[in-house]
Amino acid sequence: MALAEPAPKTDPAAATSEAAKPAVTLELAKPAEISAATSTSAQPSDAEMMKQMMEMSKLNDNHKLLASQAGTWSYTVKMWMDPKAKPTESTGTAVLRAAMDGRYLHGEYSGKFKMPGADGKMKEMDFKGNSLDGYDNAKQKFVSAWVDNMGTGIMLSEGTYDAATKTFTYTGDYEAMPGMKSKVRQVIKIADKDHHSMEYYEDRGQGEMKSMEINYSRKK
């Protein structure tokens, strides 16, 4: 996320270096009959295709993991425009809800955001953001989309979850301005059912740098 947040999903887990990406360690839905059907040269019948579609629409533990993030969260943001400078800080609220019978997690974010204005002076702006997270059974990956009122693009990313460390790792890219495409990496760490954090890294062609950190606490 972007504010991802996302990031954001027994202790329900919440729901965000390139050389070490955690592998998904949950029990995943791997319908063998789908692979067998698609590997044959014969075109599957309508009935077989419908069976495959129904199989791929089933919920599993990955969807439950994301759904466990549902609730209202307060968050604090640290943002680095310059990695050597002191970060700006702001706060906000995130409301996360399960959608499509638990297949997705929809998030609405609001708060204040400090950004430099045209005159170079820091100004406090109203911030609005929306996230949509899911687990794609076909790709066998977590997927995330993010939009906010600071731009007009949609940031898409894919990720994995390491159950041993309770960590999501999402990667993607985003072009905030023409010709300024950044590779992004989000690391979402689950402390417990009421607390998690997201670290956001960007690489604009000069090496990866941490540009944002968000800490979430569930509102009671």
N, C-alpha and C. Protein backbone atom coordinates (compact mmCIF):
# COMPACT_ATOMS: atom_id res chain seq x y z
N MET A 1 0.58 -0.92 0.00
CA MET A 1 0.00 0.00 0.00
C MET A 1 0.67 1.07 0.00
N ALA A 2 1.39 1.02 -0.60
CA ALA A 2 0.83 2.11 -0.44
C ALA A 2 0.45 2.33 0.94
N LEU A 3 -0.28 4.17 1.18
CA LEU A 3 -0.77 3.86 2.49
C LEU A 3 -1.50 2.55 2.31
N ALA A 4 -0.84 1.66 2.84
CA ALA A 4 -1.37 0.38 2.62
C ALA A 4 -1.68 -0.14 3.90
N GLU A 5 -1.43 0.51 3.31
CA GLU A 5 -1.65 -0.20 3.65
C GLU A 5 -2.25 -1.19 3.46
N PRO A 6 -1.34 -1.68 3.00
CA PRO A 6 -1.43 -2.06 3.38
C PRO A 6 -1.22 -2.45 3.70
N ALA A 7 -1.43 -1.97 4.68
CA ALA A 7 -1.42 -2.37 4.83
C ALA A 7 -1.92 -2.33 5.52
N PRO A 8 -3.91 -5.42 5.69
CA PRO A 8 -3.60 -5.09 6.34
C PRO A 8 -4.12 -6.14 7.15
N LYS A 9 -3.83 -10.20 7.70
CA LYS A 9 -4.79 -9.85 7.50
C LYS A 9 -4.63 -10.35 8.54
N THR A 10 -4.97 -19.36 19.14
CA THR A 10 -5.02 -18.62 17.88
C THR A 10 -5.28 -17.15 18.08
N ASP A 11 -4.65 -16.20 17.20
CA ASP A 11 -4.36 -14.78 17.05
C ASP A 11 -4.57 -14.42 15.59
N PRO A 12 -5.72 -13.79 15.27
CA PRO A 12 -5.92 -13.49 13.85
C PRO A 12 -4.83 -12.59 13.34
N ALA A 13 -4.26 -12.96 12.23
CA ALA A 13 -3.22 -12.10 11.63
C ALA A 13 -3.86 -10.96 10.88
N ALA A 14 -3.24 -9.75 10.89
CA ALA A 14 -3.77 -8.67 10.11
C ALA A 14 -3.08 -8.55 8.77
N ALA A 15 -3.90 -7.48 7.97
CA ALA A 15 -3.42 -7.14 6.64
C ALA A 15 -3.13 -5.85 6.93
N THR A 16 2.47 -3.02 3.80
CA THR A 16 2.32 -3.63 3.53
C THR A 16 4.26 -3.16 3.51
N SER A 17 14.77 -7.04 1.55
CA SER A 17 15.45 -6.58 0.33
C SER A 17 14.99 -7.44 -0.80
N GLU A 18 14.96 -6.90 -2.00
CA GLU A 18 14.53 -7.67 -3.16
C GLU A 18 15.12 -9.07 -3.13
N ALA A 19 16.29 -9.21 -2.44
CA ALA A 19 16.98 -10.51 -2.45
C ALA A 19 16.31 -11.52 -1.55
N ALA A 20 15.41 -11.06 -0.67
CA ALA A 20 14.82 -11.99 0.27
C ALA A 20 13.34 -11.74 0.39
N LYS A 21 12.55 -12.34 -0.46
CA LYS A 21 11.10 -12.20 -0.44
C LYS A 21 10.51 -13.43 0.23
N PRO A 22 9.74 -13.24 1.33
CA PRO A 22 9.18 -14.41 2.01
C PRO A 22 8.24 -15.18 1.10
N ALA A 23 8.26 -16.48 1.25
CA ALA A 23 7.37 -17.33 0.46
C ALA A 23 6.08 -17.55 1.22
N VAL A 24 4.99 -17.77 0.52
CA VAL A 24 3.73 -18.05 1.17
C VAL A 24 3.82 -19.39 1.88
N THR A 25 3.50 -19.41 3.16
CA THR A 25 3.62 -20.65 3.90
C THR A 25 2.28 -21.16 4.39
N LEU A 26 1.18 -20.50 4.03
CA LEU A 26 -0.14 -21.00 4.40
C LEU A 26 -0.52 -22.19 3.54
N GLU A 27 -1.52 -22.92 4.00
CA GLU A 27 -2.08 -23.98 3.18
C GLU A 27 -2.89 -23.34 2.07
N LEU A 28 -2.49 -23.53 0.84
CA LEU A 28 -3.15 -22.86 -0.28
C LEU A 28 -4.06 -23.81 -1.03
N ALA A 29 -5.05 -23.21 -1.67
CA ALA A 29 -5.94 -24.00 -2.50
C ALA A 29 -5.25 -24.27 -3.83
N LYS A 30 -4.95 -25.53 -4.14
CA LYS A 30 -4.28 -25.90 -5.38
C LYS A 30 -5.09 -26.99 -6.07
N PRO A 31 -6.17 -26.64 -6.70
CA PRO A 31 -7.04 -27.66 -7.32
C PRO A 31 -6.33 -28.39 -8.45
N ALA A 32 -5.96 -29.62 -8.19
CA ALA A 32 -5.21 -30.40 -9.18
C ALA A 32 -6.02 -30.64 -10.44
N GLU A 33 -7.34 -30.76 -10.27
CA GLU A 33 -8.16 -31.04 -11.45
C GLU A 33 -8.13 -29.89 -12.43
N ILE A 34 -7.91 -28.66 -11.95
CA ILE A 34 -7.86 -27.51 -12.84
C ILE A 34 -6.61 -27.59 -13.71
N SER A 35 -5.47 -27.89 -13.09
CA SER A 35 -4.23 -28.01 -13.84
C SER A 35 -4.32 -29.12 -14.87
N ALA A 36 -4.93 -30.23 -14.47
CA ALA A 36 -5.04 -31.35 -15.40
C ALA A 36 -5.90 -31.00 -16.60
N ALA A 37 -7.00 -30.28 -16.31
CA ALA A 37 -7.92 -29.93 -17.40
C ALA A 37 -7.29 -28.96 -18.37
N THR A 38 -6.55 -27.98 -17.84
CA THR A 38 -5.98 -26.95 -18.71
C THR A 38 -4.74 -27.42 -19.43
N SER A 39 -4.14 -28.54 -18.97
CA SER A 39 -2.93 -29.02 -19.62
C SER A 39 -3.23 -29.88 -20.85
N THR A 40 -4.48 -30.28 -21.01
CA THR A 40 -4.83 -31.11 -22.15
C THR A 40 -5.07 -30.23 -23.37
N SER A 41 -4.94 -30.82 -24.53
CA SER A 41 -5.13 -30.06 -25.77
C SER A 41 -6.60 -29.83 -26.09
N ALA A 42 -7.49 -30.66 -25.53
CA ALA A 42 -8.91 -30.54 -25.81
C ALA A 42 -9.50 -29.32 -25.10
N GLN A 43 -10.41 -28.65 -25.79
CA GLN A 43 -11.10 -27.51 -25.20
C GLN A 43 -12.05 -28.01 -24.12
N PRO A 44 -11.97 -27.46 -22.88
CA PRO A 44 -12.88 -27.95 -21.83
C PRO A 44 -14.33 -27.63 -22.18
N SER A 45 -15.21 -28.47 -21.74
CA SER A 45 -16.64 -28.25 -21.97
C SER A 45 -17.13 -27.12 -21.08
N ASP A 46 -18.34 -26.64 -21.38
CA ASP A 46 -18.91 -25.58 -20.56
C ASP A 46 -19.04 -26.02 -19.11
N ALA A 47 -19.40 -27.28 -18.91
CA ALA A 47 -19.55 -27.79 -17.55
C ALA A 47 -18.22 -27.82 -16.82
N GLU A 48 -17.15 -28.23 -17.54
CA GLU A 48 -15.81 -28.26 -16.93
C GLU A 48 -15.33 -26.85 -16.60
N MET A 49 -15.60 -25.91 -17.52
CA MET A 49 -15.19 -24.54 -17.27
C MET A 49 -15.93 -23.95 -16.07
N MET A 50 -17.21 -24.26 -15.95
CA MET A 50 -17.97 -23.78 -14.81
C MET A 50 -17.45 -24.39 -13.52
N LYS A 51 -17.07 -25.65 -13.58
CA LYS A 51 -16.52 -26.31 -12.39
C LYS A 51 -15.22 -25.64 -11.98
N GLN A 52 -14.38 -25.29 -12.97
CA GLN A 52 -13.12 -24.61 -12.67
C GLN A 52 -13.37 -23.23 -12.04
N MET A 53 -14.33 -22.51 -12.61
CA MET A 53 -14.65 -21.19 -12.09
C MET A 53 -15.14 -21.27 -10.64
N MET A 54 -15.97 -22.25 -10.35
CA MET A 54 -16.48 -22.41 -9.00
C MET A 54 -15.35 -22.77 -8.04
N GLU A 55 -14.43 -23.60 -8.52
CA GLU A 55 -13.29 -24.00 -7.69
C GLU A 55 -12.41 -22.79 -7.36
N MET A 56 -12.16 -21.96 -8.37
CA MET A 56 -11.29 -20.82 -8.17
C MET A 56 -11.93 -19.72 -7.33
N SER A 57 -13.24 -19.76 -7.16
CA SER A 57 -13.92 -18.74 -6.37
C SER A 57 -14.00 -19.09 -4.88
N LYS A 58 -13.53 -20.28 -4.51
CA LYS A 58 -13.65 -20.72 -3.12
C LYS A 58 -12.72 -19.92 -2.21
N LEU A 59 -13.20 -19.68 -0.99
CA LEU A 59 -12.40 -19.02 0.03
C LEU A 59 -11.47 -20.01 0.69
N ASN A 60 -10.32 -19.50 1.15
CA ASN A 60 -9.40 -20.35 1.91
C ASN A 60 -8.78 -19.53 3.05
N ASP A 61 -7.77 -20.08 3.70
CA ASP A 61 -7.18 -19.42 4.86
C ASP A 61 -6.56 -18.08 4.53
N ASN A 62 -6.13 -17.89 3.29
CA ASN A 62 -5.55 -16.60 2.91
C ASN A 62 -6.60 -15.49 2.94
N HIS A 63 -7.82 -15.80 2.50
CA HIS A 63 -8.89 -14.82 2.55
C HIS A 63 -9.29 -14.53 4.00
N LYS A 64 -9.30 -15.56 4.82
CA LYS A 64 -9.60 -15.37 6.24
C LYS A 64 -8.55 -14.51 6.91
N LEU A 65 -7.30 -14.68 6.49
CA LEU A 65 -6.21 -13.88 7.04
C LEU A 65 -6.44 -12.40 6.77
N LEU A 66 -6.82 -12.07 5.55
CA LEU A 66 -7.11 -10.68 5.21
C LEU A 66 -8.33 -10.17 5.96
N ALA A 67 -9.36 -10.99 6.04
CA ALA A 67 -10.60 -10.57 6.70
C ALA A 67 -10.39 -10.27 8.18
N SER A 68 -9.37 -10.86 8.79
CA SER A 68 -9.10 -10.62 10.21
C SER A 68 -8.66 -9.19 10.46
N GLN A 69 -8.33 -8.45 9.39
CA GLN A 69 -7.94 -7.05 9.53
C GLN A 69 -9.14 -6.12 9.65
N ALA A 70 -10.33 -6.63 9.40
CA ALA A 70 -11.52 -5.77 9.41
C ALA A 70 -11.66 -5.06 10.75
N GLY A 71 -12.04 -3.80 10.69
CA GLY A 71 -12.21 -3.02 11.90
C GLY A 71 -11.82 -1.57 11.65
N THR A 72 -11.80 -0.80 12.72
CA THR A 72 -11.41 0.61 12.63
C THR A 72 -10.06 0.79 13.31
N TRP A 73 -9.16 1.44 12.61
CA TRP A 73 -7.78 1.59 13.07
C TRP A 73 -7.38 3.06 13.10
N SER A 74 -6.60 3.44 14.09
CA SER A 74 -5.95 4.74 14.07
C SER A 74 -4.51 4.49 13.64
N TYR A 75 -3.93 5.45 12.93
CA TYR A 75 -2.56 5.25 12.47
C TYR A 75 -1.75 6.53 12.55
N THR A 76 -0.44 6.36 12.67
CA THR A 76 0.51 7.46 12.63
C THR A 76 1.46 7.20 11.47
N VAL A 77 1.79 8.27 10.75
CA VAL A 77 2.63 8.17 9.55
C VAL A 77 3.92 8.97 9.73
N LYS A 78 5.03 8.36 9.36
CA LYS A 78 6.30 9.07 9.22
C LYS A 78 6.67 9.01 7.74
N MET A 79 7.03 10.16 7.17
CA MET A 79 7.34 10.21 5.75
C MET A 79 8.65 10.96 5.53
N TRP A 80 9.52 10.33 4.72
CA TRP A 80 10.83 10.91 4.43
C TRP A 80 10.86 11.40 2.98
N MET A 81 10.94 12.71 2.77
CA MET A 81 11.17 13.25 1.43
C MET A 81 12.65 13.12 1.09
N ASP A 82 13.48 13.24 2.12
CA ASP A 82 14.94 13.10 2.02
C ASP A 82 15.35 12.11 3.10
N PRO A 83 16.00 10.98 2.73
CA PRO A 83 16.34 9.96 3.73
C PRO A 83 17.26 10.47 4.84
N LYS A 84 17.94 11.58 4.58
CA LYS A 84 18.86 12.12 5.59
C LYS A 84 18.18 13.17 6.47
N ALA A 85 16.98 13.57 6.09
CA ALA A 85 16.27 14.61 6.84
C ALA A 85 15.31 13.98 7.84
N LYS A 86 14.83 14.82 8.76
CA LYS A 86 13.85 14.37 9.75
C LYS A 86 12.52 14.12 9.05
N PRO A 87 11.82 13.04 9.37
CA PRO A 87 10.55 12.75 8.69
C PRO A 87 9.43 13.67 9.15
N THR A 88 8.46 13.90 8.27
CA THR A 88 7.23 14.58 8.68
C THR A 88 6.31 13.53 9.31
N GLU A 89 5.45 13.97 10.20
CA GLU A 89 4.55 13.05 10.88
C GLU A 89 3.10 13.51 10.75
N SER A 90 2.20 12.57 10.63
CA SER A 90 0.78 12.86 10.54
C SER A 90 -0.02 11.68 11.08
N THR A 91 -1.33 11.87 11.21
CA THR A 91 -2.19 10.83 11.78
C THR A 91 -3.44 10.66 10.94
N GLY A 92 -4.15 9.57 11.18
CA GLY A 92 -5.38 9.34 10.44
C GLY A 92 -6.14 8.14 10.97
N THR A 93 -7.23 7.81 10.26
CA THR A 93 -8.08 6.68 10.64
C THR A 93 -8.33 5.81 9.41
N ALA A 94 -8.31 4.50 9.60
CA ALA A 94 -8.60 3.55 8.53
C ALA A 94 -9.77 2.67 8.94
N VAL A 95 -10.75 2.53 8.05
CA VAL A 95 -11.88 1.63 8.30
C VAL A 95 -11.81 0.52 7.26
N LEU A 96 -11.61 -0.71 7.71
CA LEU A 96 -11.45 -1.86 6.82
C LEU A 96 -12.66 -2.78 6.96
N ARG A 97 -13.20 -3.17 5.80
CA ARG A 97 -14.39 -4.04 5.79
C ARG A 97 -14.19 -5.20 4.82
N ALA A 98 -14.66 -6.37 5.20
CA ALA A 98 -14.66 -7.51 4.29
C ALA A 98 -15.69 -7.26 3.19
N ALA A 99 -15.37 -7.64 1.95
CA ALA A 99 -16.26 -7.42 0.82
C ALA A 99 -16.39 -8.71 0.01
N MET A 100 -17.47 -8.81 -0.77
CA MET A 100 -17.72 -9.96 -1.63
C MET A 100 -17.66 -11.28 -0.84
N ASP A 101 -18.39 -11.29 0.27
CA ASP A 101 -18.47 -12.50 1.11
C ASP A 101 -17.10 -12.92 1.64
N GLY A 102 -16.22 -11.96 1.88
CA GLY A 102 -14.92 -12.28 2.45
C GLY A 102 -13.82 -12.49 1.45
N ARG A 103 -14.11 -12.30 0.16
CA ARG A 103 -13.07 -12.50 -0.86
C ARG A 103 -12.09 -11.34 -0.92
N TYR A 104 -12.52 -10.17 -0.48
CA TYR A 104 -11.67 -8.98 -0.54
C TYR A 104 -11.77 -8.21 0.78
N LEU A 105 -10.80 -7.34 0.97
CA LEU A 105 -10.81 -6.42 2.10
C LEU A 105 -10.73 -5.01 1.55
N HIS A 106 -11.78 -4.23 1.82
CA HIS A 106 -11.84 -2.85 1.31
C HIS A 106 -11.50 -1.89 2.44
N GLY A 107 -10.59 -0.95 2.17
CA GLY A 107 -10.17 0.01 3.18
C GLY A 107 -10.44 1.44 2.77
N GLU A 108 -10.90 2.26 3.72
CA GLU A 108 -11.08 3.69 3.51
C GLU A 108 -10.21 4.42 4.54
N TYR A 109 -9.32 5.30 4.04
CA TYR A 109 -8.36 5.99 4.88
C TYR A 109 -8.62 7.49 4.83
N SER A 110 -8.50 8.14 5.97
CA SER A 110 -8.67 9.59 6.02
C SER A 110 -7.76 10.16 7.09
N GLY A 111 -7.34 11.41 6.88
CA GLY A 111 -6.50 12.05 7.87
C GLY A 111 -5.88 13.32 7.33
N LYS A 112 -4.83 13.75 7.96
CA LYS A 112 -4.09 14.92 7.54
C LYS A 112 -2.72 14.47 7.04
N PHE A 113 -2.22 15.19 6.04
CA PHE A 113 -0.97 14.80 5.41
C PHE A 113 -0.13 16.06 5.18
N LYS A 114 1.10 16.05 5.62
CA LYS A 114 1.97 17.21 5.45
C LYS A 114 2.80 17.06 4.18
N MET A 115 2.65 18.02 3.28
CA MET A 115 3.36 18.00 2.01
C MET A 115 3.90 19.39 1.71
N PRO A 116 5.04 19.47 1.00
CA PRO A 116 5.54 20.79 0.62
C PRO A 116 4.69 21.41 -0.48
N GLY A 117 4.33 22.69 -0.33
CA GLY A 117 3.55 23.38 -1.33
C GLY A 117 4.43 23.92 -2.44
N ALA A 118 3.80 24.67 -3.36
CA ALA A 118 4.55 25.23 -4.49
C ALA A 118 5.62 26.20 -4.05
N ASP A 119 5.43 26.80 -2.86
CA ASP A 119 6.42 27.74 -2.33
C ASP A 119 7.50 27.05 -1.51
N GLY A 120 7.42 25.71 -1.43
CA GLY A 120 8.42 24.95 -0.69
C GLY A 120 8.12 24.80 0.79
N LYS A 121 7.09 25.49 1.29
CA LYS A 121 6.75 25.41 2.69
C LYS A 121 5.80 24.24 2.93
N MET A 122 5.97 23.60 4.11
CA MET A 122 5.12 22.47 4.43
C MET A 122 3.70 22.92 4.72
N LYS A 123 2.73 22.20 4.14
CA LYS A 123 1.33 22.50 4.36
C LYS A 123 0.59 21.23 4.76
N GLU A 124 -0.40 21.40 5.61
CA GLU A 124 -1.21 20.26 6.02
C GLU A 124 -2.41 20.13 5.08
N MET A 125 -2.56 18.95 4.50
CA MET A 125 -3.62 18.72 3.52
C MET A 125 -4.53 17.59 4.00
N ASP A 126 -5.79 17.65 3.57
CA ASP A 126 -6.71 16.54 3.84
C ASP A 126 -6.32 15.35 2.97
N PHE A 127 -6.29 14.18 3.57
CA PHE A 127 -5.90 12.98 2.83
C PHE A 127 -7.05 11.99 2.81
N LYS A 128 -7.29 11.41 1.61
CA LYS A 128 -8.28 10.35 1.44
C LYS A 128 -7.64 9.24 0.61
N GLY A 129 -7.85 8.00 1.01
CA GLY A 129 -7.32 6.87 0.26
C GLY A 129 -8.25 5.68 0.32
N ASN A 130 -8.16 4.81 -0.68
CA ASN A 130 -8.94 3.57 -0.72
C ASN A 130 -8.04 2.42 -1.13
N SER A 131 -8.22 1.30 -0.48
CA SER A 131 -7.46 0.09 -0.84
C SER A 131 -8.42 -1.05 -1.10
N LEU A 132 -7.99 -1.99 -1.91
CA LEU A 132 -8.72 -3.24 -2.14
C LEU A 132 -7.69 -4.36 -2.18
N ASP A 133 -7.76 -5.24 -1.20
CA ASP A 133 -6.81 -6.34 -1.09
C ASP A 133 -7.52 -7.67 -1.25
N GLY A 134 -6.83 -8.64 -1.80
CA GLY A 134 -7.40 -9.97 -1.98
C GLY A 134 -6.33 -11.02 -2.10
N TYR A 135 -6.77 -12.26 -2.22
CA TYR A 135 -5.86 -13.37 -2.52
C TYR A 135 -6.36 -14.01 -3.79
N ASP A 136 -5.52 -13.98 -4.83
CA ASP A 136 -5.88 -14.49 -6.15
C ASP A 136 -5.55 -15.98 -6.21
N ASN A 137 -6.59 -16.82 -6.24
CA ASN A 137 -6.37 -18.27 -6.26
C ASN A 137 -5.66 -18.73 -7.53
N ALA A 138 -5.88 -18.03 -8.64
CA ALA A 138 -5.23 -18.43 -9.89
C ALA A 138 -3.73 -18.12 -9.85
N LYS A 139 -3.37 -16.94 -9.37
CA LYS A 139 -1.96 -16.56 -9.28
C LYS A 139 -1.29 -17.14 -8.05
N GLN A 140 -2.10 -17.53 -7.05
CA GLN A 140 -1.61 -17.97 -5.75
C GLN A 140 -0.72 -16.89 -5.14
N LYS A 141 -1.24 -15.65 -5.19
CA LYS A 141 -0.55 -14.50 -4.61
C LYS A 141 -1.59 -13.56 -4.00
N PHE A 142 -1.14 -12.78 -3.03
CA PHE A 142 -1.96 -11.69 -2.54
C PHE A 142 -1.89 -10.57 -3.56
N VAL A 143 -2.98 -9.85 -3.74
CA VAL A 143 -3.03 -8.76 -4.72
C VAL A 143 -3.61 -7.53 -4.03
N SER A 144 -3.16 -6.34 -4.46
CA SER A 144 -3.60 -5.12 -3.81
C SER A 144 -3.70 -3.99 -4.82
N ALA A 145 -4.70 -3.14 -4.64
CA ALA A 145 -4.87 -1.93 -5.44
C ALA A 145 -5.04 -0.75 -4.49
N TRP A 146 -4.44 0.39 -4.87
CA TRP A 146 -4.48 1.58 -4.01
C TRP A 146 -4.74 2.83 -4.84
N VAL A 147 -5.64 3.70 -4.36
CA VAL A 147 -5.87 5.02 -4.96
C VAL A 147 -5.99 6.04 -3.83
N ASP A 148 -5.65 7.30 -4.13
CA ASP A 148 -5.83 8.35 -3.15
C ASP A 148 -5.99 9.69 -3.85
N ASN A 149 -6.27 10.72 -3.07
CA ASN A 149 -6.53 12.04 -3.63
C ASN A 149 -5.26 12.83 -3.92
N MET A 150 -4.10 12.16 -3.85
CA MET A 150 -2.83 12.80 -4.19
C MET A 150 -2.43 12.50 -5.63
N GLY A 151 -3.25 11.77 -6.36
CA GLY A 151 -2.94 11.43 -7.75
C GLY A 151 -4.16 10.89 -8.45
N THR A 152 -3.97 10.44 -9.70
CA THR A 152 -5.07 9.87 -10.48
C THR A 152 -4.79 8.46 -10.95
N GLY A 153 -3.66 7.90 -10.58
CA GLY A 153 -3.32 6.55 -11.00
C GLY A 153 -3.77 5.51 -9.99
N ILE A 154 -3.65 4.26 -10.38
CA ILE A 154 -3.95 3.13 -9.50
C ILE A 154 -2.66 2.34 -9.30
N MET A 155 -2.23 2.19 -8.07
CA MET A 155 -1.03 1.41 -7.79
C MET A 155 -1.43 -0.05 -7.55
N LEU A 156 -0.87 -0.94 -8.35
CA LEU A 156 -1.14 -2.37 -8.24
C LEU A 156 0.10 -3.08 -7.72
N SER A 157 -0.10 -4.04 -6.84
CA SER A 157 1.04 -4.81 -6.32
C SER A 157 0.60 -6.23 -6.02
N GLU A 158 1.59 -7.11 -5.94
CA GLU A 158 1.36 -8.51 -5.61
C GLU A 158 2.27 -8.89 -4.44
N GLY A 159 1.81 -9.83 -3.64
CA GLY A 159 2.60 -10.15 -2.46
C GLY A 159 2.50 -11.57 -1.97
N THR A 160 3.29 -11.85 -0.96
CA THR A 160 3.33 -13.15 -0.30
C THR A 160 3.21 -12.92 1.21
N TYR A 161 2.97 -14.00 1.93
CA TYR A 161 2.86 -13.92 3.38
C TYR A 161 3.73 -15.01 4.01
N ASP A 162 4.53 -14.62 5.00
CA ASP A 162 5.35 -15.57 5.75
C ASP A 162 4.72 -15.76 7.12
N ALA A 163 4.10 -16.91 7.34
CA ALA A 163 3.40 -17.17 8.59
C ALA A 163 4.34 -17.21 9.79
N ALA A 164 5.58 -17.62 9.57
CA ALA A 164 6.53 -17.73 10.69
C ALA A 164 6.83 -16.36 11.30
N THR A 165 6.92 -15.33 10.47
CA THR A 165 7.22 -13.99 10.96
C THR A 165 6.01 -13.06 10.92
N LYS A 166 4.87 -13.58 10.46
CA LYS A 166 3.64 -12.80 10.31
C LYS A 166 3.90 -11.53 9.49
N THR A 167 4.50 -11.73 8.32
CA THR A 167 4.90 -10.61 7.48
C THR A 167 4.40 -10.77 6.05
N PHE A 168 3.73 -9.74 5.56
CA PHE A 168 3.37 -9.63 4.15
C PHE A 168 4.46 -8.85 3.44
N THR A 169 4.79 -9.22 2.22
CA THR A 169 5.71 -8.45 1.38
C THR A 169 5.06 -8.27 0.02
N TYR A 170 4.78 -7.02 -0.33
CA TYR A 170 4.16 -6.68 -1.62
C TYR A 170 5.17 -5.92 -2.48
N THR A 171 5.16 -6.18 -3.78
CA THR A 171 6.00 -5.44 -4.71
C THR A 171 5.16 -4.98 -5.90
N GLY A 172 5.55 -3.85 -6.49
CA GLY A 172 4.85 -3.33 -7.65
C GLY A 172 5.61 -2.14 -8.20
N ASP A 173 4.96 -1.36 -9.03
CA ASP A 173 5.57 -0.12 -9.51
C ASP A 173 4.48 0.92 -9.69
N TYR A 174 4.91 2.18 -9.72
CA TYR A 174 3.96 3.28 -9.79
C TYR A 174 4.61 4.46 -10.49
N GLU A 175 3.86 5.12 -11.37
CA GLU A 175 4.37 6.28 -12.09
C GLU A 175 3.57 7.50 -11.65
N ALA A 176 4.08 8.21 -10.65
CA ALA A 176 3.38 9.36 -10.10
C ALA A 176 3.36 10.52 -11.08
N MET A 177 4.45 10.67 -11.84
CA MET A 177 4.55 11.71 -12.85
C MET A 177 5.16 11.11 -14.11
N PRO A 178 4.88 11.68 -15.29
CA PRO A 178 5.41 11.11 -16.53
C PRO A 178 6.93 10.92 -16.48
N GLY A 179 7.35 9.69 -16.76
CA GLY A 179 8.78 9.39 -16.78
C GLY A 179 9.39 9.13 -15.43
N MET A 180 8.61 9.24 -14.35
CA MET A 180 9.14 9.02 -13.01
C MET A 180 8.51 7.76 -12.42
N LYS A 181 8.89 6.63 -12.98
CA LYS A 181 8.36 5.35 -12.51
C LYS A 181 9.22 4.83 -11.36
N SER A 182 8.57 4.38 -10.30
CA SER A 182 9.26 3.86 -9.13
C SER A 182 8.88 2.41 -8.89
N LYS A 183 9.87 1.60 -8.52
CA LYS A 183 9.58 0.27 -8.01
C LYS A 183 9.29 0.44 -6.53
N VAL A 184 8.23 -0.23 -6.06
CA VAL A 184 7.86 -0.07 -4.67
C VAL A 184 7.80 -1.43 -3.98
N ARG A 185 8.08 -1.39 -2.69
CA ARG A 185 8.02 -2.60 -1.86
C ARG A 185 7.40 -2.22 -0.53
N GLN A 186 6.39 -2.99 -0.13
CA GLN A 186 5.73 -2.75 1.15
C GLN A 186 5.93 -3.97 2.04
N VAL A 187 6.32 -3.72 3.27
CA VAL A 187 6.51 -4.80 4.25
C VAL A 187 5.55 -4.54 5.40
N ILE A 188 4.58 -5.43 5.56
CA ILE A 188 3.56 -5.29 6.60
C ILE A 188 3.81 -6.35 7.66
N LYS A 189 4.10 -5.89 8.88
CA LYS A 189 4.42 -6.80 9.97
C LYS A 189 3.30 -6.78 11.00
N ILE A 190 2.81 -7.99 11.34
CA ILE A 190 1.72 -8.12 12.30
C ILE A 190 2.30 -8.36 13.68
N ALA A 191 2.11 -7.40 14.59
CA ALA A 191 2.59 -7.57 15.97
C ALA A 191 1.63 -8.44 16.76
N ASP A 192 0.35 -8.11 16.69
CA ASP A 192 -0.71 -8.90 17.32
C ASP A 192 -2.03 -8.48 16.67
N LYS A 193 -3.14 -8.99 17.18
CA LYS A 193 -4.42 -8.73 16.51
C LYS A 193 -4.82 -7.26 16.53
N ASP A 194 -4.20 -6.45 17.37
CA ASP A 194 -4.56 -5.04 17.50
C ASP A 194 -3.48 -4.08 17.02
N HIS A 195 -2.36 -4.61 16.53
CA HIS A 195 -1.27 -3.73 16.11
C HIS A 195 -0.53 -4.32 14.91
N HIS A 196 -0.25 -3.47 13.92
CA HIS A 196 0.61 -3.87 12.82
C HIS A 196 1.27 -2.62 12.23
N SER A 197 2.28 -2.83 11.43
CA SER A 197 3.02 -1.71 10.85
C SER A 197 3.26 -1.96 9.37
N MET A 198 3.50 -0.87 8.64
CA MET A 198 3.83 -0.97 7.22
C MET A 198 5.03 -0.09 6.92
N GLU A 199 6.03 -0.67 6.28
CA GLU A 199 7.19 0.08 5.82
C GLU A 199 7.15 0.12 4.30
N TYR A 200 7.36 1.30 3.74
CA TYR A 200 7.21 1.53 2.30
C TYR A 200 8.57 1.96 1.73
N TYR A 201 9.03 1.21 0.73
CA TYR A 201 10.32 1.47 0.11
C TYR A 201 10.13 1.81 -1.36
N GLU A 202 10.94 2.76 -1.86
CA GLU A 202 10.88 3.16 -3.26
C GLU A 202 12.27 3.07 -3.90
N ASP A 203 12.28 2.72 -5.17
CA ASP A 203 13.50 2.74 -5.96
C ASP A 203 13.21 3.49 -7.25
N ARG A 204 13.74 4.69 -7.37
CA ARG A 204 13.52 5.52 -8.56
C ARG A 204 14.70 5.46 -9.52
N GLY A 205 15.45 4.36 -9.43
CA GLY A 205 16.59 4.17 -10.31
C GLY A 205 17.93 4.46 -9.66
N GLN A 206 17.90 4.88 -8.39
CA GLN A 206 19.14 5.20 -7.69
C GLN A 206 19.29 4.36 -6.43
N GLY A 207 18.60 3.24 -6.39
CA GLY A 207 18.65 2.38 -5.21
C GLY A 207 17.43 2.56 -4.33
N GLU A 208 17.12 1.52 -3.60
CA GLU A 208 15.92 1.53 -2.76
C GLU A 208 16.13 2.38 -1.51
N MET A 209 15.11 3.13 -1.15
CA MET A 209 15.13 3.92 0.08
C MET A 209 13.77 3.82 0.77
N LYS A 210 13.80 3.85 2.09
CA LYS A 210 12.57 3.83 2.88
C LYS A 210 11.99 5.24 2.87
N SER A 211 10.75 5.37 2.40
CA SER A 211 10.15 6.71 2.32
C SER A 211 8.95 6.88 3.25
N MET A 212 8.45 5.79 3.83
CA MET A 212 7.28 5.92 4.69
C MET A 212 7.19 4.77 5.68
N GLU A 213 6.64 5.08 6.85
CA GLU A 213 6.39 4.07 7.88
C GLU A 213 5.06 4.41 8.53
N ILE A 214 4.19 3.43 8.65
CA ILE A 214 2.87 3.64 9.26
C ILE A 214 2.68 2.61 10.38
N ASN A 215 2.23 3.07 11.53
CA ASN A 215 1.93 2.18 12.65
C ASN A 215 0.43 2.26 12.96
N TYR A 216 -0.21 1.08 13.00
CA TYR A 216 -1.65 0.99 13.19
C TYR A 216 -1.99 0.41 14.57
N SER A 217 -3.04 0.97 15.19
CA SER A 217 -3.59 0.43 16.43
C SER A 217 -5.10 0.32 16.26
N ARG A 218 -5.63 -0.84 16.60
CA ARG A 218 -7.08 -1.05 16.46
C ARG A 218 -7.83 -0.22 17.49
N LYS A 219 -8.87 0.48 17.03
CA LYS A 219 -9.70 1.25 17.96
C LYS A 219 -10.65 0.29 18.67
N LYS A 220 -10.81 0.48 19.96
CA LYS A 220 -11.67 -0.39 20.75
C LYS A 220 -13.13 -0.01 20.58
